[in-house]
């Protein structure tokens, strides 16, 4: 089982069902590679869910789901993807007054919501099940996994690469959760090289002219 969107960029996925959140984020094309938007048209989106949802079911021990999307689902799914991306960038929502942003009673920005079924079993176990059809079901599944990851502390490790030209979603496995690049070798080294060149250039400009002349 694979996460088809995430594997376009690197093979390491996040643990368990949180991989579904990472994968919908990575359906977006990276600016550093000519990859297609997997939510750009119905055929691509349907192909993506046909692989991603069986992987999600296998990772979480759930029953496999066959989800049929329509053209009307695509704008809602792209909106969910962008809201997730913006939320991960800020970890505190968007600025007050931004168009299309709802707020709860505390004033915290709230992007979207969904229906979610919570079941209490005879052994006192609680389980969750996504609700709805099409984009509503997928939104429910994605936010359900984000909520579960929040309770385990894994949610804070899902990040967006600081390289704006890359912007892929990655799982930070560093001990102190300090990672900012999806790949230190690629995005990290490139950023460090640019910073080094900038420091050398600024240092050269600050050096006094020969003979003490300005």
C-alpha atoms as a PDB file:
ATOM      1  CA  UNK A   1       0.000   0.000   0.000  1.00  0.00           C
ATOM      2  CA  UNK A   2       1.295   3.444  -0.922  1.00  0.00           C
ATOM      3  CA  UNK A   3       0.485   7.126  -0.465  1.00  0.00           C
ATOM      4  CA  UNK A   4       0.501   8.122  -4.148  1.00  0.00           C
ATOM      5  CA  UNK A   5       0.781  11.904  -3.752  1.00  0.00           C
ATOM      6  CA  UNK A   6       3.502  11.856  -1.112  1.00  0.00           C
ATOM      7  CA  UNK A   7       5.638   9.312  -2.926  1.00  0.00           C
ATOM      8  CA  UNK A   8       6.013  11.720  -5.844  1.00  0.00           C
ATOM      9  CA  UNK A   9       8.383  13.760  -3.694  1.00  0.00           C
ATOM     10  CA  UNK A  10       9.945  11.414  -1.152  1.00  0.00           C
ATOM     11  CA  UNK A  11       9.178   7.937   0.214  1.00  0.00           C
ATOM     12  CA  UNK A  12       8.844   8.687   3.939  1.00  0.00           C
ATOM     13  CA  UNK A  13       5.238   9.014   5.076  1.00  0.00           C
ATOM     14  CA  UNK A  14       3.772   9.898   8.445  1.00  0.00           C
ATOM     15  CA  UNK A  15       2.539   7.213  10.859  1.00  0.00           C
ATOM     16  CA  UNK A  16      -0.880   5.619  10.504  1.00  0.00           C
ATOM     17  CA  UNK A  17      -3.943   7.491   9.362  1.00  0.00           C
ATOM     18  CA  UNK A  18      -2.230  10.881   9.497  1.00  0.00           C
ATOM     19  CA  UNK A  19      -0.740   9.852   6.169  1.00  0.00           C
ATOM     20  CA  UNK A  20      -4.099  10.699   4.581  1.00  0.00           C
ATOM     21  CA  UNK A  21      -3.729  14.323   5.685  1.00  0.00           C
ATOM     22  CA  UNK A  22      -0.175  14.439   4.373  1.00  0.00           C
ATOM     23  CA  UNK A  23      -1.242  12.880   1.097  1.00  0.00           C
ATOM     24  CA  UNK A  24      -4.069  15.300   0.337  1.00  0.00           C
ATOM     25  CA  UNK A  25      -1.635  18.153   1.028  1.00  0.00           C
ATOM     26  CA  UNK A  26       0.838  16.626  -1.419  1.00  0.00           C
ATOM     27  CA  UNK A  27      -1.732  16.333  -4.198  1.00  0.00           C
ATOM     28  CA  UNK A  28      -0.677  19.908  -4.970  1.00  0.00           C
ATOM     29  CA  UNK A  29       2.098  20.273  -7.547  1.00  0.00           C
ATOM     30  CA  UNK A  30       5.526  21.245  -6.267  1.00  0.00           C
ATOM     31  CA  UNK A  31       6.989  24.384  -7.818  1.00  0.00           C
ATOM     32  CA  UNK A  32      10.345  22.667  -8.229  1.00  0.00           C
ATOM     33  CA  UNK A  33       8.993  19.823 -10.374  1.00  0.00           C
ATOM     34  CA  UNK A  34       6.506  19.693 -13.263  1.00  0.00           C
ATOM     35  CA  UNK A  35       4.074  17.449 -11.384  1.00  0.00           C
ATOM     36  CA  UNK A  36       0.370  17.574 -12.009  1.00  0.00           C
ATOM     37  CA  UNK A  37      -2.239  18.738  -9.516  1.00  0.00           C
ATOM     38  CA  UNK A  38      -3.909  15.472  -8.486  1.00  0.00           C
ATOM     39  CA  UNK A  39      -7.060  17.420  -7.643  1.00  0.00           C
ATOM     40  CA  UNK A  40      -6.899  19.357 -10.887  1.00  0.00           C
ATOM     41  CA  UNK A  41      -9.395  17.240 -12.804  1.00  0.00           C
ATOM     42  CA  UNK A  42     -11.874  14.493 -12.020  1.00  0.00           C
ATOM     43  CA  UNK A  43      -9.902  11.630 -13.574  1.00  0.00           C
ATOM     44  CA  UNK A  44      -6.747  12.462 -11.609  1.00  0.00           C
ATOM     45  CA  UNK A  45      -8.658  12.955  -8.356  1.00  0.00           C
ATOM     46  CA  UNK A  46     -10.528   9.676  -8.751  1.00  0.00           C
ATOM     47  CA  UNK A  47      -7.290   7.854  -9.483  1.00  0.00           C
ATOM     48  CA  UNK A  48      -5.738   9.378  -6.370  1.00  0.00           C
ATOM     49  CA  UNK A  49      -8.544   8.341  -3.993  1.00  0.00           C
ATOM     50  CA  UNK A  50      -8.603   4.860  -5.560  1.00  0.00           C
ATOM     51  CA  UNK A  51      -5.082   4.315  -4.186  1.00  0.00           C
ATOM     52  CA  UNK A  52      -5.012   6.586  -1.128  1.00  0.00           C
ATOM     53  CA  UNK A  53      -8.172   5.282   0.545  1.00  0.00           C
ATOM     54  CA  UNK A  54      -7.197   1.579   0.500  1.00  0.00           C
ATOM     55  CA  UNK A  55      -3.848   2.644   1.976  1.00  0.00           C
ATOM     56  CA  UNK A  56      -5.682   4.614   4.678  1.00  0.00           C
ATOM     57  CA  UNK A  57      -7.891   1.609   5.439  1.00  0.00           C
ATOM     58  CA  UNK A  58      -4.877  -0.702   5.711  1.00  0.00           C
ATOM     59  CA  UNK A  59      -2.963   1.733   7.955  1.00  0.00           C
ATOM     60  CA  UNK A  60      -5.889   2.258  10.316  1.00  0.00           C
ATOM     61  CA  UNK A  61      -7.532  -1.177  10.320  1.00  0.00           C
ATOM     62  CA  UNK A  62     -10.732   0.220   8.820  1.00  0.00           C
ATOM     63  CA  UNK A  63     -12.935  -1.251   6.145  1.00  0.00           C
ATOM     64  CA  UNK A  64     -11.890  -0.241   2.647  1.00  0.00           C
ATOM     65  CA  UNK A  65     -14.049   2.520   1.161  1.00  0.00           C
ATOM     66  CA  UNK A  66     -14.866   3.105  -2.487  1.00  0.00           C
ATOM     67  CA  UNK A  67     -15.482   6.827  -2.904  1.00  0.00           C
ATOM     68  CA  UNK A  68     -16.913   8.254  -6.118  1.00  0.00           C
ATOM     69  CA  UNK A  69     -16.158  11.907  -6.731  1.00  0.00           C
ATOM     70  CA  UNK A  70     -17.906  14.396  -9.001  1.00  0.00           C
ATOM     71  CA  UNK A  71     -16.787  17.625 -10.629  1.00  0.00           C
ATOM     72  CA  UNK A  72     -18.595  19.525  -7.870  1.00  0.00           C
ATOM     73  CA  UNK A  73     -16.359  17.869  -5.252  1.00  0.00           C
ATOM     74  CA  UNK A  74     -13.084  19.178  -6.665  1.00  0.00           C
ATOM     75  CA  UNK A  75     -13.292  22.877  -5.661  1.00  0.00           C
ATOM     76  CA  UNK A  76     -14.233  21.851  -2.105  1.00  0.00           C
ATOM     77  CA  UNK A  77     -11.307  19.443  -1.869  1.00  0.00           C
ATOM     78  CA  UNK A  78      -8.858  22.012  -3.217  1.00  0.00           C
ATOM     79  CA  UNK A  79     -10.233  24.491  -0.687  1.00  0.00           C
ATOM     80  CA  UNK A  80      -9.712  21.969   2.133  1.00  0.00           C
ATOM     81  CA  UNK A  81      -6.150  21.377   0.944  1.00  0.00           C
ATOM     82  CA  UNK A  82      -5.380  25.099   0.932  1.00  0.00           C
ATOM     83  CA  UNK A  83      -6.946  25.607   4.360  1.00  0.00           C
ATOM     84  CA  UNK A  84      -4.855  22.780   5.790  1.00  0.00           C
ATOM     85  CA  UNK A  85      -1.738  24.251   4.225  1.00  0.00           C
ATOM     86  CA  UNK A  86      -2.417  27.716   5.610  1.00  0.00           C
ATOM     87  CA  UNK A  87      -3.226  26.317   9.035  1.00  0.00           C
ATOM     88  CA  UNK A  88       0.017  24.358   9.172  1.00  0.00           C
ATOM     89  CA  UNK A  89       1.953  27.439   8.094  1.00  0.00           C
ATOM     90  CA  UNK A  90       0.569  29.516  10.923  1.00  0.00           C
ATOM     91  CA  UNK A  91      -0.641  26.986  13.531  1.00  0.00           C
ATOM     92  CA  UNK A  92      -3.033  29.718  14.666  1.00  0.00           C
ATOM     93  CA  UNK A  93      -5.325  30.380  11.721  1.00  0.00           C
ATOM     94  CA  UNK A  94      -5.393  33.526   9.585  1.00  0.00           C
ATOM     95  CA  UNK A  95      -5.611  37.185  10.379  1.00  0.00           C
ATOM     96  CA  UNK A  96      -8.889  38.687  11.502  1.00  0.00           C
ATOM     97  CA  UNK A  97     -11.007  40.082   8.741  1.00  0.00           C
ATOM     98  CA  UNK A  98      -9.744  37.785   5.987  1.00  0.00           C
ATOM     99  CA  UNK A  99     -12.496  36.952   3.546  1.00  0.00           C
ATOM    100  CA  UNK A 100     -14.085  33.556   3.956  1.00  0.00           C
ATOM    101  CA  UNK A 101     -12.658  32.885   7.417  1.00  0.00           C
ATOM    102  CA  UNK A 102     -15.049  31.964  10.237  1.00  0.00           C
ATOM    103  CA  UNK A 103     -14.225  32.453  13.899  1.00  0.00           C
ATOM    104  CA  UNK A 104     -15.387  30.642  17.009  1.00  0.00           C
ATOM    105  CA  UNK A 105     -16.416  32.389  20.225  1.00  0.00           C
ATOM    106  CA  UNK A 106     -12.797  32.734  21.353  1.00  0.00           C
ATOM    107  CA  UNK A 107     -11.907  34.639  18.196  1.00  0.00           C
ATOM    108  CA  UNK A 108      -9.707  31.846  16.824  1.00  0.00           C
ATOM    109  CA  UNK A 109      -9.886  31.451  13.057  1.00  0.00           C
ATOM    110  CA  UNK A 110     -11.848  28.371  11.991  1.00  0.00           C
ATOM    111  CA  UNK A 111     -11.513  27.325   8.381  1.00  0.00           C
ATOM    112  CA  UNK A 112     -13.907  24.435   7.991  1.00  0.00           C
ATOM    113  CA  UNK A 113     -15.958  21.851   9.852  1.00  0.00           C
ATOM    114  CA  UNK A 114     -17.497  18.470   9.147  1.00  0.00           C
ATOM    115  CA  UNK A 115     -19.809  15.803  10.495  1.00  0.00           C
ATOM    116  CA  UNK A 116     -18.145  12.903  12.315  1.00  0.00           C
ATOM    117  CA  UNK A 117     -19.679   9.817  13.885  1.00  0.00           C
ATOM    118  CA  UNK A 118     -18.348   8.737  17.288  1.00  0.00           C
ATOM    119  CA  UNK A 119     -19.321   5.266  18.475  1.00  0.00           C
ATOM    120  CA  UNK A 120     -19.252   3.902  22.030  1.00  0.00           C
ATOM    121  CA  UNK A 121     -18.795   0.122  22.183  1.00  0.00           C
ATOM    122  CA  UNK A 122     -19.677  -2.369  24.906  1.00  0.00           C
ATOM    123  CA  UNK A 123     -16.062  -2.663  26.014  1.00  0.00           C
ATOM    124  CA  UNK A 124     -15.977   1.126  26.566  1.00  0.00           C
ATOM    125  CA  UNK A 125     -13.906   1.659  23.430  1.00  0.00           C
ATOM    126  CA  UNK A 126     -14.611   4.757  21.351  1.00  0.00           C
ATOM    127  CA  UNK A 127     -14.258   4.744  17.581  1.00  0.00           C
ATOM    128  CA  UNK A 128     -14.796   7.371  14.900  1.00  0.00           C
ATOM    129  CA  UNK A 129     -16.247   7.051  11.421  1.00  0.00           C
ATOM    130  CA  UNK A 130     -16.352   9.671   8.653  1.00  0.00           C
ATOM    131  CA  UNK A 131     -19.783  10.917   7.591  1.00  0.00           C
ATOM    132  CA  UNK A 132     -21.251  12.081   4.284  1.00  0.00           C
ATOM    133  CA  UNK A 133     -20.500  11.493   0.627  1.00  0.00           C
ATOM    134  CA  UNK A 134     -17.977  12.833  -1.867  1.00  0.00           C
ATOM    135  CA  UNK A 135     -15.969  15.809  -0.583  1.00  0.00           C
ATOM    136  CA  UNK A 136     -17.878  15.782   2.707  1.00  0.00           C
ATOM    137  CA  UNK A 137     -16.799  12.211   3.470  1.00  0.00           C
ATOM    138  CA  UNK A 138     -13.191  12.897   2.553  1.00  0.00           C
ATOM    139  CA  UNK A 139     -13.145  16.111   4.603  1.00  0.00           C
ATOM    140  CA  UNK A 140     -14.556  14.165   7.543  1.00  0.00           C
ATOM    141  CA  UNK A 141     -11.887  11.465   7.183  1.00  0.00           C
ATOM    142  CA  UNK A 142      -9.044  13.972   6.856  1.00  0.00           C
ATOM    143  CA  UNK A 143     -10.078  16.127   9.821  1.00  0.00           C
ATOM    144  CA  UNK A 144     -10.788  13.014  11.888  1.00  0.00           C
ATOM    145  CA  UNK A 145      -7.206  11.847  11.395  1.00  0.00           C
ATOM    146  CA  UNK A 146      -5.890  15.315  12.220  1.00  0.00           C
ATOM    147  CA  UNK A 147      -7.928  15.330  15.432  1.00  0.00           C
ATOM    148  CA  UNK A 148      -6.679  11.875  16.445  1.00  0.00           C
ATOM    149  CA  UNK A 149      -3.101  12.940  15.691  1.00  0.00           C
ATOM    150  CA  UNK A 150      -3.577  16.012  17.861  1.00  0.00           C
ATOM    151  CA  UNK A 151      -4.425  13.806  20.844  1.00  0.00           C
ATOM    152  CA  UNK A 152      -1.224  11.769  20.395  1.00  0.00           C
ATOM    153  CA  UNK A 153       1.073  14.737  19.759  1.00  0.00           C
ATOM    154  CA  UNK A 154       1.801  13.688  16.166  1.00  0.00           C
ATOM    155  CA  UNK A 155      -0.169  16.549  14.609  1.00  0.00           C
ATOM    156  CA  UNK A 156       2.477  19.128  15.553  1.00  0.00           C
ATOM    157  CA  UNK A 157       5.053  17.166  13.565  1.00  0.00           C
ATOM    158  CA  UNK A 158       3.206  17.477  10.268  1.00  0.00           C
ATOM    159  CA  UNK A 159       4.693  20.544   8.559  1.00  0.00           C
ATOM    160  CA  UNK A 160       5.057  22.342   5.257  1.00  0.00           C
ATOM    161  CA  UNK A 161       8.590  22.640   3.859  1.00  0.00           C
ATOM    162  CA  UNK A 162       9.976  26.150   4.436  1.00  0.00           C
ATOM    163  CA  UNK A 163      11.252  26.229   0.856  1.00  0.00           C
ATOM    164  CA  UNK A 164       8.408  28.136  -0.808  1.00  0.00           C
ATOM    165  CA  UNK A 165       9.262  26.658  -4.203  1.00  0.00           C
ATOM    166  CA  UNK A 166       8.843  23.178  -2.712  1.00  0.00           C
ATOM    167  CA  UNK A 167       6.095  23.519  -0.063  1.00  0.00           C
ATOM    168  CA  UNK A 168       5.560  19.782   0.330  1.00  0.00           C
ATOM    169  CA  UNK A 169       4.064  18.349   3.508  1.00  0.00           C
ATOM    170  CA  UNK A 170       6.469  16.301   5.609  1.00  0.00           C
ATOM    171  CA  UNK A 171       6.615  14.594   8.986  1.00  0.00           C
ATOM    172  CA  UNK A 172       9.291  16.021  11.256  1.00  0.00           C
ATOM    173  CA  UNK A 173      11.119  13.107  12.871  1.00  0.00           C
ATOM    174  CA  UNK A 174      13.714  15.238  14.646  1.00  0.00           C
ATOM    175  CA  UNK A 175      13.962  14.661  18.389  1.00  0.00           C
ATOM    176  CA  UNK A 176      13.059  18.242  19.318  1.00  0.00           C
ATOM    177  CA  UNK A 177      10.595  18.810  16.458  1.00  0.00           C
ATOM    178  CA  UNK A 178      12.812  21.522  14.969  1.00  0.00           C
ATOM    179  CA  UNK A 179      12.848  20.435  11.317  1.00  0.00           C
ATOM    180  CA  UNK A 180      11.803  22.967   8.682  1.00  0.00           C
ATOM    181  CA  UNK A 181      12.852  21.276   5.404  1.00  0.00           C
ATOM    182  CA  UNK A 182      11.245  18.215   3.840  1.00  0.00           C
ATOM    183  CA  UNK A 183      14.772  17.312   2.686  1.00  0.00           C
ATOM    184  CA  UNK A 184      17.858  18.755   4.351  1.00  0.00           C
ATOM    185  CA  UNK A 185      19.973  17.591   1.425  1.00  0.00           C
ATOM    186  CA  UNK A 186      17.852  19.331  -1.197  1.00  0.00           C
ATOM    187  CA  UNK A 187      15.839  22.214   0.221  1.00  0.00           C
ATOM    188  CA  UNK A 188      17.996  22.749   3.326  1.00  0.00           C
ATOM    189  CA  UNK A 189      21.359  22.779   1.572  1.00  0.00           C
ATOM    190  CA  UNK A 190      20.060  25.069  -1.167  1.00  0.00           C
ATOM    191  CA  UNK A 191      18.757  27.553   1.398  1.00  0.00           C
ATOM    192  CA  UNK A 192      21.992  27.442   3.402  1.00  0.00           C
ATOM    193  CA  UNK A 193      24.017  28.029   0.216  1.00  0.00           C
ATOM    194  CA  UNK A 194      21.913  31.072  -0.705  1.00  0.00           C
ATOM    195  CA  UNK A 195      22.268  32.445   2.819  1.00  0.00           C
ATOM    196  CA  UNK A 196      26.046  31.925   2.725  1.00  0.00           C
ATOM    197  CA  UNK A 197      26.341  33.732  -0.618  1.00  0.00           C
ATOM    198  CA  UNK A 198      24.235  36.597   0.713  1.00  0.00           C
ATOM    199  CA  UNK A 199      26.423  36.969   3.806  1.00  0.00           C
ATOM    200  CA  UNK A 200      29.591  37.005   1.685  1.00  0.00           C
ATOM    201  CA  UNK A 201      28.098  39.587  -0.650  1.00  0.00           C
ATOM    202  CA  UNK A 202      26.990  41.801   2.236  1.00  0.00           C
ATOM    203  CA  UNK A 203      30.407  41.409   3.857  1.00  0.00           C
ATOM    204  CA  UNK A 204      32.182  42.449   0.669  1.00  0.00           C
ATOM    205  CA  UNK A 205      29.958  45.513   0.302  1.00  0.00           C
ATOM    206  CA  UNK A 206      30.716  46.525   3.898  1.00  0.00           C
ATOM    207  CA  UNK A 207      34.527  46.373   3.463  1.00  0.00           C
ATOM    208  CA  UNK A 208      36.262  49.783   3.267  1.00  0.00           C
ATOM    209  CA  UNK A 209      37.752  50.838  -0.063  1.00  0.00           C
ATOM    210  CA  UNK A 210      41.576  50.456  -0.552  1.00  0.00           C
ATOM    211  CA  UNK A 211      43.602  53.315   0.958  1.00  0.00           C
ATOM    212  CA  UNK A 212      40.789  54.264   3.279  1.00  0.00           C
ATOM    213  CA  UNK A 213      38.819  55.920   0.495  1.00  0.00           C
ATOM    214  CA  UNK A 214      35.060  55.724   0.602  1.00  0.00           C
END
